[in-house]
Every structure is written in structure tokens, then in C-alpha cells.
Amino acid sequence: MSALDLVIRNAKLDTTGEAVEVGIKDGIIAAVSPTGLPPAAQEIDAAGCMVSPAFVEPHFHLENALLWEGVRNNSGTLKEAIEVYGKIKHEMPIDDIVSRASVALETSIMHGVQWFRSHIDIDKKAQLHLLEGNLAVREKFKDLIDIELIAFPQMGMATESEIIDLMWQAMEKGADVVGGMPHAEENMDDAARQIEIAFEIAKKHDADIDMHVDETDDPYWHSLELLADQTIENGWEGRVTAGHCCAMSAWDDALAERVIEKVVKARINVITMAPVNLMLEGRSDKHPKRRGIARVKELMEAGANVTCGQDDLQNMFYSYGNMDPLEVAMISAHAAHMSSPEEIQAAFDMPRYNAAKNFRLENYGVHVGAEANLVVLDAISAVDALRRRGDRRYVLRKGRVLTETRTRVDLHFTTDEQQTNGMK
């Protein structure tokens, strides 16, 4: 074996919990062994922590991150959030977009994220202004994180020739993925037409599709079914993502079972934004209130690939957020009643292996031949990772250490306090 650039020692493997050493050469994992790897130019002592592939953030809106001061959503609803944002998004300076987005991305990287998708509003008022801001952000962070940009017609597209033209332009100017929001249309027929247009654009550019789908309490909307049907018709299985899918919580079981079966057949990836949708949906319900998120467990049990996304960071859509995939996964587990060991493992994998499948990443994991995008996580198991959401002690990109975090806690007790707390 040629000399290694870096070795991680005294780690636990994320999939089995077994002791492991990881050797890296030229940004690629060159060796994985229980022990005995030769010395390297740089060494990391994991001190018993877990080594995991880096995290994936599959659904976010960079340009409106941290839009908080002077922006108010009085009703707390999605409808008002869209209206409030619509009044200001076209006039946000590019440097302001880059500044706020940079904070979100820096925090994501610190939490171990190495792949990221951002939805960019494309409409008559904003035109391609927000795309320009996102392109600047992507360029700034190109050596630190992989960013895919999604052209997103939030206000509808089916009957708007100008928006259709802008969507084509967005893909030509640097967007990577075709977005959509079928339930923004007037009815299911127009929703079907929006989806048709999205596939026309995607097939021309050989691009994936990633849509906001049925983000509403209204059970009338089941455009997820239309998306599944057209995915199969166009032969785009495995390349389509449906985000939110909130109306699913208001469907009757017969409709849910029918649509979920089609989702699995079409190999559609589903992303739940549980923190945001728990906040936005069900606002007008009397008790009992709907949970307002996708049927995560039913989708998983049927064989669908399900992951989770942050969506928003302290803005008119969502007042909180920490850009931590483990926090999002933990909240998703609560909302979806995922409490058994197997379900907790599934929740832990949502922003990791499930999201990697969503992105169609090759050679993802901790194994020889994989790119060394890794996290040394202060955890020893899935439940420990979600419960404590410990330090990402090291975040590596292509074998290079990007961040190092070690929280120090000093406990100072008097003798009486130690005895009171049972500490001797």
C-alpha cells in the first residue's frame, strides 16, 4: 500500500458499530480495517466516535434564509408567507442574498453536510434575479460543498407562457434540476399540464425533477398521483422527487394506498419537511388537528425512498432552524412516530443513505473506493446520534478537513453538591 495522506483511528463504523480505521489517499478511501493501518502524513483520533459518510440536505431555499428582521407572517400560514415573500424577493440585492445564504451554508457544512439542493423562485416579478444570486453563492462555495440549483415556478406555470420561457432560460443559465408546484395551479388538469411541461424541459436537458407537491391541507389535491403516472410514462423512474406531500395526511386510506403504490412503482423520492410543515399546516383545524406531513412510515413500509429536509431557516415560512440534518431527522421521527430501534435507524439514514439515493450519488459510504466525504460524529449509535445530536468533530471533503468542533463542558461542583447529585 502506498503512503496514506490521512488515517482516522479509533472510530466506530456507522453501519455496524465495529471498531474501524479509515485510510485516505488522494481524496479517496483507500483502506478500511479494524486496526493496523500504517502511519500517515495526518492522523485523526476519533476517540471512539462514529465515522459516517457526510450528510445530504435535499431541500432548502437559500435566497430567503434568515429573512427575519422587518418581515412578519401574522397568520403563520403558508399562504401569507408566500404573499409576504412575493412583495420583496425581486428587489433583494445580490450581495444580501449571498451574505445570508453563506451563513446557512457555513452552518450546514459545520453540521456535516456535503451535498445540497436549493429551490430558486422563478416568476414574472423575480424573473431570473434569484438565480443570479444562487449562482454567485454556488461559485463562492464550489470548493466546500456540492450545490444543485432547482428552477422553481412557485406561482404556477401551466397557463403562463412567460414563466415557461423563464424556466427554459433558467436551465440554460445554470440551474441543474427542474422544479414545480402543481398544486399552485387552478385545478388538477392544469397541474397535469405543469408536470408535462416540467418533463419536456427535464428530458431536453437530461435533468432530474424535484417538485413541491400537495403542500396543502386540502385533500382535493393529489397531484402526487399525476407525477407518479407521468414519471412512468416518461421513463424517468428514480429521477423524480416529491417534496412536502402534506395533503397525504388529509387523504382517506384508500386514496393514500393507491397513490403510495404508484409512488413506489415510479421510484419517486419523497422528502418530508416535518419541522416546517408541522408549523404551517393544520392552522385552520379545530381539534383534533392534522399532523400536516407526508405518511412517512407508510411510504417506507411500502418500499419508497424517504428523506427529510430543512426547507427554511428563520424567515417568514419558519421561525426556527439550525441547518442540522440530525435535528430535522429527530423532529421527523417524532412527527412520524418512529420510536423502535429499526425506525430510529431509518430516521438516522434519511439525511444520509436515503438522501444519497435521492441525489443518485455513486460510491456513497465508508468503503474502499468511495470519495472521502466523511463526518466523525460524537455518537456510538443511531439513537445516540439523534438523541444527543453531538459534535461533528471532523468534517472531511475529499480527504481534506474542513471543520473541527469539540464542545468542552467543565462541571464545577462543591463537595455538598456532588453528594446531593449522587456524585462521589
Protein backbone atom coordinates (compact mmCIF):
# COMPACT_ATOMS: atom_id res chain seq x y z
CA MET A 1 0.00 0.00 0.00
CA SER A 2 1.34 3.42 -0.97
CA ALA A 3 1.71 6.02 1.76
CA LEU A 4 -1.63 7.32 3.03
CA ASP A 5 -2.43 11.02 3.28
CA LEU A 6 -4.70 10.68 6.32
CA VAL A 7 -5.83 7.96 8.70
CA ILE A 8 -8.82 8.08 11.04
CA ARG A 9 -8.13 5.83 14.02
CA ASN A 10 -10.19 4.56 16.97
CA ALA A 11 -13.51 5.04 15.18
CA LYS A 12 -16.75 3.08 15.07
CA LEU A 13 -18.26 2.19 11.69
CA ASP A 14 -21.64 3.85 11.17
CA THR A 15 -23.33 0.71 9.80
CA THR A 16 -22.18 -1.92 12.30
CA GLY A 17 -20.66 -0.11 15.29
CA GLU A 18 -17.49 -2.16 14.87
CA ALA A 19 -14.05 -0.68 15.52
CA VAL A 20 -12.52 0.70 12.35
CA GLU A 21 -9.63 2.66 10.90
CA VAL A 22 -10.07 4.55 7.63
CA GLY A 23 -7.16 5.36 5.35
CA ILE A 24 -7.40 8.09 2.72
CA LYS A 25 -5.23 8.72 -0.34
CA ASP A 26 -5.78 11.46 -2.96
CA GLY A 27 -9.24 12.21 -1.58
CA ILE A 28 -10.43 8.60 -1.88
CA ILE A 29 -10.91 5.99 0.83
CA ALA A 30 -8.02 3.61 0.17
CA ALA A 31 -8.32 1.29 3.17
CA VAL A 32 -10.87 0.29 5.81
CA SER A 33 -9.60 -2.03 8.53
CA PRO A 34 -10.37 -2.92 12.15
CA THR A 35 -6.80 -1.89 13.04
CA GLY A 36 -3.23 -1.83 11.84
CA LEU A 37 -3.18 0.78 9.09
CA PRO A 38 0.29 2.27 8.58
CA PRO A 39 1.15 5.79 9.71
CA ALA A 40 0.01 8.68 7.54
CA ALA A 41 1.01 12.27 6.98
CA GLN A 42 -2.05 13.34 9.01
CA GLU A 43 -3.90 11.34 11.66
CA ILE A 44 -7.22 11.83 13.41
CA ASP A 45 -8.05 10.15 16.71
CA ALA A 46 -11.83 9.57 16.62
CA ALA A 47 -11.73 8.61 20.32
CA GLY A 48 -14.46 6.01 19.89
CA CYS A 49 -16.77 8.25 17.85
CA MET A 50 -18.65 7.16 14.76
CA VAL A 51 -17.32 7.69 11.24
CA SER A 52 -20.17 8.29 8.79
CA PRO A 53 -20.49 9.43 5.21
CA ALA A 54 -21.29 13.14 5.08
CA PHE A 55 -24.89 14.33 5.24
CA VAL A 56 -27.15 15.48 2.42
CA GLU A 57 -29.52 18.48 2.57
CA PRO A 58 -32.10 17.65 -0.14
CA HIS A 59 -34.49 20.61 0.13
CA PHE A 60 -33.78 24.22 1.02
CA HIS A 61 -34.33 27.82 -0.15
CA LEU A 62 -31.03 29.67 0.10
CA GLU A 63 -32.16 33.09 -1.09
CA ASN A 64 -34.68 33.61 1.71
CA ALA A 65 -32.61 32.19 4.57
CA LEU A 66 -32.55 34.49 7.61
CA LEU A 67 -35.08 36.94 6.18
CA TRP A 68 -36.34 37.80 9.62
CA GLU A 69 -35.90 41.44 10.57
CA GLY A 70 -38.89 43.54 9.48
CA VAL A 71 -40.62 40.58 7.80
CA ARG A 72 -43.72 39.26 9.53
CA ASN A 73 -46.19 36.45 8.90
CA ASN A 74 -49.09 37.29 11.21
CA SER A 75 -51.24 34.25 10.47
CA GLY A 76 -48.35 31.81 10.39
CA THR A 77 -49.80 30.21 7.27
CA LEU A 78 -48.06 29.14 4.08
CA LYS A 79 -50.39 31.39 2.08
CA GLU A 80 -49.34 34.54 3.92
CA ALA A 81 -45.68 33.53 3.86
CA ILE A 82 -45.80 33.29 0.06
CA GLU A 83 -47.58 36.65 -0.16
CA VAL A 84 -45.08 38.37 2.15
CA TYR A 85 -42.12 36.95 0.30
CA GLY A 86 -43.63 37.86 -3.06
CA LYS A 87 -43.51 41.55 -2.15
CA ILE A 88 -39.75 41.66 -1.56
CA LYS A 89 -37.95 38.86 -3.38
CA HIS A 90 -37.48 40.72 -6.66
CA GLU A 91 -35.64 43.61 -5.01
CA MET A 92 -33.21 41.76 -2.71
CA PRO A 93 -29.62 42.80 -3.54
CA ILE A 94 -27.38 40.01 -4.80
CA ASP A 95 -24.79 40.67 -2.11
CA ASP A 96 -27.50 40.38 0.54
CA ILE A 97 -28.62 37.01 -0.87
CA VAL A 98 -25.02 35.79 -0.90
CA SER A 99 -24.41 37.01 2.66
CA ARG A 100 -27.45 35.32 4.19
CA ALA A 101 -27.06 32.16 2.14
CA SER A 102 -23.42 31.95 3.22
CA VAL A 103 -24.44 31.76 6.87
CA ALA A 104 -26.82 28.89 6.08
CA LEU A 105 -24.20 27.01 4.09
CA GLU A 106 -21.40 27.54 6.59
CA THR A 107 -23.64 26.19 9.34
CA SER A 108 -24.63 23.24 7.16
CA ILE A 109 -21.00 22.38 6.47
CA MET A 110 -20.21 22.60 10.17
CA HIS A 111 -23.01 20.06 10.73
CA GLY A 112 -21.52 17.69 8.19
CA VAL A 113 -23.45 18.46 5.01
CA GLN A 114 -21.59 17.96 1.71
CA TRP A 115 -24.45 17.82 -0.82
CA PHE A 116 -27.16 20.46 -1.01
CA ARG A 117 -30.20 21.37 -3.14
CA SER A 118 -31.66 24.88 -3.28
CA HIS A 119 -35.01 25.82 -4.85
CA ILE A 120 -35.00 29.15 -6.71
CA ASP A 121 -38.22 31.06 -7.29
CA ILE A 122 -38.84 31.73 -10.98
CA ASP A 123 -41.81 34.02 -11.63
CA LYS A 124 -42.90 37.14 -13.52
CA LYS A 125 -41.80 39.51 -10.78
CA ALA A 126 -38.49 37.93 -9.76
CA GLN A 127 -37.61 36.81 -13.31
CA LEU A 128 -34.10 35.25 -13.05
CA HIS A 129 -32.86 37.61 -10.33
CA LEU A 130 -32.78 34.95 -7.62
CA LEU A 131 -31.00 32.52 -9.93
CA GLU A 132 -28.24 35.11 -10.33
CA GLY A 133 -27.87 35.24 -6.55
CA ASN A 134 -27.78 31.46 -6.20
CA LEU A 135 -25.21 31.11 -8.97
CA ALA A 136 -22.98 33.55 -7.09
CA VAL A 137 -23.41 31.51 -3.90
CA ARG A 138 -22.61 28.25 -5.69
CA GLU A 139 -19.45 29.74 -7.15
CA LYS A 140 -18.35 31.04 -3.75
CA PHE A 141 -18.76 27.62 -2.11
CA LYS A 142 -17.69 25.37 -5.02
CA ASP A 143 -14.65 24.03 -3.14
CA LEU A 144 -16.55 23.44 0.10
CA ILE A 145 -19.88 21.79 -0.79
CA ASP A 146 -21.72 20.47 -3.86
CA ILE A 147 -24.82 22.58 -4.61
CA GLU A 148 -27.57 21.73 -7.09
CA LEU A 149 -29.95 24.54 -8.09
CA ILE A 150 -33.63 23.86 -8.79
CA ALA A 151 -35.68 26.16 -11.02
CA PHE A 152 -38.93 26.52 -9.06
CA PRO A 153 -42.10 28.13 -10.54
CA GLN A 154 -43.80 28.76 -7.20
CA MET A 155 -46.72 30.76 -8.60
CA GLY A 156 -47.68 28.25 -11.30
CA MET A 157 -46.70 27.65 -14.89
CA ALA A 158 -49.32 25.75 -16.89
CA THR A 159 -51.07 28.79 -18.39
CA GLU A 160 -48.18 31.27 -18.19
CA SER A 161 -46.04 31.30 -21.33
CA GLU A 162 -43.67 33.83 -19.78
CA ILE A 163 -42.92 31.51 -16.85
CA ILE A 164 -42.39 28.59 -19.20
CA ASP A 165 -39.86 30.65 -21.16
CA LEU A 166 -38.13 31.68 -17.92
CA MET A 167 -37.89 28.05 -16.83
CA TRP A 168 -36.17 27.14 -20.09
CA GLN A 169 -33.82 30.09 -19.65
CA ALA A 170 -33.05 29.13 -16.06
CA MET A 171 -31.90 25.68 -17.13
CA GLU A 172 -29.77 27.17 -19.89
CA LYS A 173 -28.18 29.67 -17.49
CA GLY A 174 -27.09 27.17 -14.86
CA ALA A 175 -29.97 25.55 -12.97
CA ASP A 176 -29.46 21.80 -12.57
CA VAL A 177 -32.90 20.42 -11.70
CA VAL A 178 -36.43 21.16 -12.93
CA GLY A 179 -38.79 22.15 -10.13
CA GLY A 180 -42.51 22.68 -9.90
CA MET A 181 -45.51 23.18 -7.68
CA PRO A 182 -48.52 21.54 -9.37
CA HIS A 183 -50.97 22.46 -6.62
CA ALA A 184 -50.27 26.15 -7.34
CA GLU A 185 -52.41 25.73 -10.45
CA GLU A 186 -56.19 26.25 -10.56
CA ASN A 187 -57.13 22.58 -10.78
CA MET A 188 -55.82 19.07 -11.32
CA ASP A 189 -55.97 19.42 -15.12
CA ASP A 190 -53.64 22.42 -15.03
CA ALA A 191 -51.47 20.57 -12.52
CA ALA A 192 -51.12 17.74 -15.01
CA ARG A 193 -50.11 20.24 -17.69
CA GLN A 194 -47.45 21.78 -15.39
CA ILE A 195 -45.99 18.34 -14.85
CA GLU A 196 -45.98 17.69 -18.61
CA ILE A 197 -44.03 20.91 -19.21
CA ALA A 198 -41.55 20.00 -16.48
CA PHE A 199 -40.86 16.68 -18.16
CA GLU A 200 -40.40 18.37 -21.53
CA ILE A 201 -37.73 20.62 -20.02
CA ALA A 202 -36.12 17.84 -17.99
CA LYS A 203 -35.84 15.45 -20.93
CA LYS A 204 -34.33 18.14 -23.14
CA HIS A 205 -31.66 18.86 -20.51
CA ASP A 206 -31.34 15.28 -19.19
CA ALA A 207 -32.17 16.69 -15.76
CA ASP A 208 -33.84 15.35 -12.64
CA ILE A 209 -37.19 16.72 -11.45
CA ASP A 210 -37.77 17.91 -7.88
CA MET A 211 -41.19 19.40 -7.11
CA HIS A 212 -43.12 20.86 -4.20
CA VAL A 213 -46.14 18.55 -4.19
CA ASP A 214 -49.51 18.93 -2.46
CA GLU A 215 -48.22 21.26 0.25
CA THR A 216 -51.73 21.92 1.48
CA ASP A 217 -54.35 20.69 3.93
CA ASP A 218 -56.89 20.30 1.10
CA PRO A 219 -57.47 16.60 0.29
CA TYR A 220 -58.68 17.59 -3.20
CA TRP A 221 -55.06 17.80 -4.23
CA HIS A 222 -53.40 14.54 -5.16
CA SER A 223 -51.04 15.76 -7.85
CA LEU A 224 -48.54 13.26 -6.45
CA GLU A 225 -50.54 10.64 -8.33
CA LEU A 226 -50.24 12.64 -11.56
CA LEU A 227 -46.50 12.97 -11.01
CA ALA A 228 -46.14 9.22 -10.48
CA ASP A 229 -48.14 8.43 -13.62
CA GLN A 230 -46.11 10.78 -15.79
CA THR A 231 -42.81 9.59 -14.29
CA ILE A 232 -43.57 6.09 -15.52
CA GLU A 233 -44.86 7.32 -18.89
CA ASN A 234 -41.64 9.27 -19.46
CA GLY A 235 -39.31 6.55 -18.21
CA TRP A 236 -37.90 8.87 -15.52
CA GLU A 237 -38.12 6.36 -12.65
CA GLY A 238 -35.64 7.14 -9.86
CA ARG A 239 -35.05 10.67 -11.15
CA VAL A 240 -38.08 12.41 -9.65
CA THR A 241 -38.53 13.85 -6.17
CA ALA A 242 -41.72 14.97 -4.44
CA GLY A 243 -41.26 17.34 -1.52
CA HIS A 244 -43.74 18.05 1.30
CA CYS A 245 -46.74 15.87 0.23
CA CYS A 246 -48.79 17.32 3.11
CA ALA A 247 -52.27 16.63 1.67
CA MET A 248 -51.47 12.97 2.16
CA SER A 249 -52.24 13.47 5.84
CA ALA A 250 -55.78 14.53 4.90
CA TRP A 251 -56.48 11.76 2.35
CA ASP A 252 -58.58 8.76 3.20
CA ASP A 253 -56.67 5.49 3.45
CA ALA A 254 -57.92 4.12 0.12
CA LEU A 255 -56.54 7.09 -1.82
CA ALA A 256 -53.29 7.02 0.16
CA GLU A 257 -52.74 3.33 -0.53
CA ARG A 258 -53.41 3.78 -4.26
CA VAL A 259 -51.05 6.72 -4.63
CA ILE A 260 -48.29 5.22 -2.47
CA GLU A 261 -48.33 2.10 -4.64
CA LYS A 262 -47.77 4.31 -7.71
CA VAL A 263 -45.02 6.27 -5.95
CA VAL A 264 -43.15 3.04 -5.26
CA LYS A 265 -43.62 1.82 -8.83
CA ALA A 266 -42.31 5.15 -10.19
CA ARG A 267 -39.40 5.09 -7.70
CA ILE A 268 -40.24 8.64 -6.67
CA ASN A 269 -38.17 10.01 -3.80
CA VAL A 270 -40.26 11.67 -1.10
CA ILE A 271 -38.90 14.41 1.16
CA THR A 272 -40.74 15.34 4.32
CA MET A 273 -40.12 18.82 5.74
CA ALA A 274 -41.59 17.89 9.11
CA PRO A 275 -40.35 20.88 11.17
CA VAL A 276 -41.72 23.44 8.72
CA ASN A 277 -44.94 21.66 7.82
CA LEU A 278 -45.81 20.91 11.43
CA MET A 279 -45.65 24.67 11.89
CA LEU A 280 -47.51 25.73 8.74
CA GLU A 281 -50.18 23.09 8.17
CA GLY A 282 -53.36 22.49 10.14
CA ARG A 283 -53.58 26.15 11.16
CA SER A 284 -57.33 26.34 10.50
CA ASP A 285 -58.19 22.95 12.01
CA LYS A 286 -60.23 22.63 15.16
CA HIS A 287 -59.08 19.88 17.47
CA PRO A 288 -58.13 17.20 16.64
CA LYS A 289 -55.62 18.80 14.26
CA ARG A 290 -53.99 17.06 11.31
CA ARG A 291 -50.25 16.48 11.57
CA GLY A 292 -49.66 18.03 8.15
CA ILE A 293 -46.77 15.85 6.97
CA ALA A 294 -46.34 13.01 4.50
CA ARG A 295 -47.19 9.47 5.64
CA VAL A 296 -43.54 8.66 6.31
CA LYS A 297 -43.90 5.22 7.86
CA GLU A 298 -46.48 4.02 5.34
CA LEU A 299 -44.26 5.16 2.47
CA MET A 300 -41.21 3.44 3.94
CA GLU A 301 -43.11 0.25 4.68
CA ALA A 302 -44.29 0.17 1.06
CA GLY A 303 -40.71 0.49 -0.18
CA ALA A 304 -40.48 4.19 -1.07
CA ASN A 305 -37.26 6.12 -0.55
CA VAL A 306 -38.00 8.82 2.05
CA THR A 307 -35.70 11.51 3.33
CA CYS A 308 -36.06 14.80 5.22
CA GLY A 309 -35.14 18.43 4.59
CA GLN A 310 -34.67 21.68 6.50
CA ASP A 311 -36.60 23.73 3.88
CA ASP A 312 -36.29 27.13 5.59
CA LEU A 313 -34.17 28.98 8.13
CA GLN A 314 -35.63 31.74 10.33
CA ASN A 315 -37.83 33.52 7.81
CA MET A 316 -41.49 34.18 7.03
CA PHE A 317 -42.08 30.47 6.42
CA TYR A 318 -40.36 29.13 9.54
CA SER A 319 -39.14 30.93 12.64
CA TYR A 320 -36.53 28.38 13.70
CA GLY A 321 -33.96 26.03 12.21
CA ASN A 322 -30.33 25.15 12.80
CA MET A 323 -29.21 23.63 9.48
CA ASP A 324 -28.57 20.36 11.31
CA PRO A 325 -29.80 17.25 9.45
CA LEU A 326 -29.86 15.33 12.72
CA GLU A 327 -32.26 17.85 14.24
CA VAL A 328 -34.53 17.57 11.19
CA ALA A 329 -34.36 13.76 11.32
CA MET A 330 -35.16 13.76 15.04
CA ILE A 331 -38.20 16.02 14.57
CA SER A 332 -39.32 13.87 11.63
CA ALA A 333 -39.04 10.77 13.82
CA HIS A 334 -41.24 12.41 16.46
CA ALA A 335 -43.86 13.54 13.95
CA ALA A 336 -43.96 10.16 12.22
CA HIS A 337 -43.99 8.10 15.46
CA MET A 338 -40.66 6.42 14.69
CA SER A 339 -39.59 5.01 18.05
CA SER A 340 -38.45 1.39 17.65
CA PRO A 341 -34.74 0.67 17.11
CA GLU A 342 -35.37 -0.17 13.45
CA GLU A 343 -37.38 3.02 12.92
CA ILE A 344 -34.75 5.14 14.64
CA GLN A 345 -32.11 3.66 12.34
CA ALA A 346 -34.35 4.51 9.37
CA ALA A 347 -34.67 8.10 10.61
CA PHE A 348 -30.89 8.36 11.03
CA ASP A 349 -30.44 7.14 7.46
CA MET A 350 -32.91 9.66 5.99
CA PRO A 351 -30.37 12.51 5.60
CA ARG A 352 -27.61 10.02 4.76
CA TYR A 353 -28.15 6.89 2.66
CA ASN A 354 -31.74 7.72 1.67
CA ALA A 355 -30.81 11.25 0.60
CA ALA A 356 -27.74 9.94 -1.23
CA LYS A 357 -30.05 7.68 -3.23
CA ASN A 358 -32.26 10.73 -3.89
CA PHE A 359 -29.20 12.51 -5.36
CA ARG A 360 -28.11 9.38 -7.23
CA LEU A 361 -24.70 9.60 -5.60
CA GLU A 362 -22.26 6.88 -6.60
CA ASN A 363 -19.88 5.23 -4.12
CA TYR A 364 -21.53 6.83 -1.09
CA GLY A 365 -20.45 5.36 2.23
CA VAL A 366 -17.43 4.33 4.25
CA HIS A 367 -15.79 1.80 1.96
CA VAL A 368 -12.77 1.47 -0.29
CA GLY A 369 -13.17 3.47 -3.48
CA ALA A 370 -15.64 5.99 -2.07
CA GLU A 371 -14.79 9.67 -2.13
CA ALA A 372 -13.66 10.65 1.37
CA ASN A 373 -16.55 12.97 2.25
CA LEU A 374 -16.88 11.98 5.88
CA VAL A 375 -18.04 13.05 9.32
CA VAL A 376 -16.55 11.97 12.62
CA LEU A 377 -19.69 12.18 14.72
CA ASP A 378 -19.80 12.23 18.50
CA ALA A 379 -22.17 9.26 18.71
CA ILE A 380 -21.97 5.50 19.02
CA SER A 381 -25.36 4.51 17.56
CA ALA A 382 -28.36 5.82 15.64
CA VAL A 383 -30.35 6.59 18.78
CA ASP A 384 -27.34 8.31 20.33
CA ALA A 385 -26.87 10.39 17.18
CA LEU A 386 -30.48 11.59 17.10
CA ARG A 387 -30.97 11.96 20.85
CA ARG A 388 -27.83 14.00 21.55
CA ARG A 389 -27.02 15.41 18.09
CA GLY A 390 -23.40 15.55 19.18
CA ASP A 391 -20.45 17.43 17.75
CA ARG A 392 -19.36 16.80 14.20
CA ARG A 393 -15.81 16.52 15.50
CA TYR A 394 -14.36 16.48 12.00
CA VAL A 395 -15.94 17.16 8.62
CA LEU A 396 -13.89 15.98 5.63
CA ARG A 397 -14.31 16.85 1.96
CA LYS A 398 -12.32 14.70 -0.45
CA GLY A 399 -9.99 13.79 2.39
CA ARG A 400 -9.41 17.39 3.49
CA VAL A 401 -10.51 18.50 6.96
CA LEU A 402 -12.98 21.38 6.56
CA THR A 403 -14.09 21.87 10.16
CA GLU A 404 -13.22 20.62 13.60
CA THR A 405 -15.64 21.02 16.51
CA ARG A 406 -15.12 19.98 20.13
CA THR A 407 -17.54 21.24 22.73
CA ARG A 408 -15.91 21.47 26.13
CA VAL A 409 -18.03 21.26 29.24
CA ASP A 410 -16.47 21.94 32.62
CA LEU A 411 -18.56 20.90 35.62
CA HIS A 412 -17.79 22.67 38.88
CA PHE A 413 -19.38 21.14 41.98
CA THR A 414 -18.73 21.66 45.66
CA THR A 415 -18.48 18.55 47.81
CA ASP A 416 -22.05 19.06 49.08
CA GLU A 417 -23.35 19.46 45.55
CA GLN A 418 -21.59 16.28 44.44
CA GLN A 419 -23.20 14.32 47.25
CA THR A 420 -26.61 15.89 46.53
CA ASN A 421 -26.36 14.78 42.88
CA GLY A 422 -25.14 11.31 43.79
CA MET A 423 -21.61 12.04 42.56
CA LYS A 424 -18.87 10.77 44.80
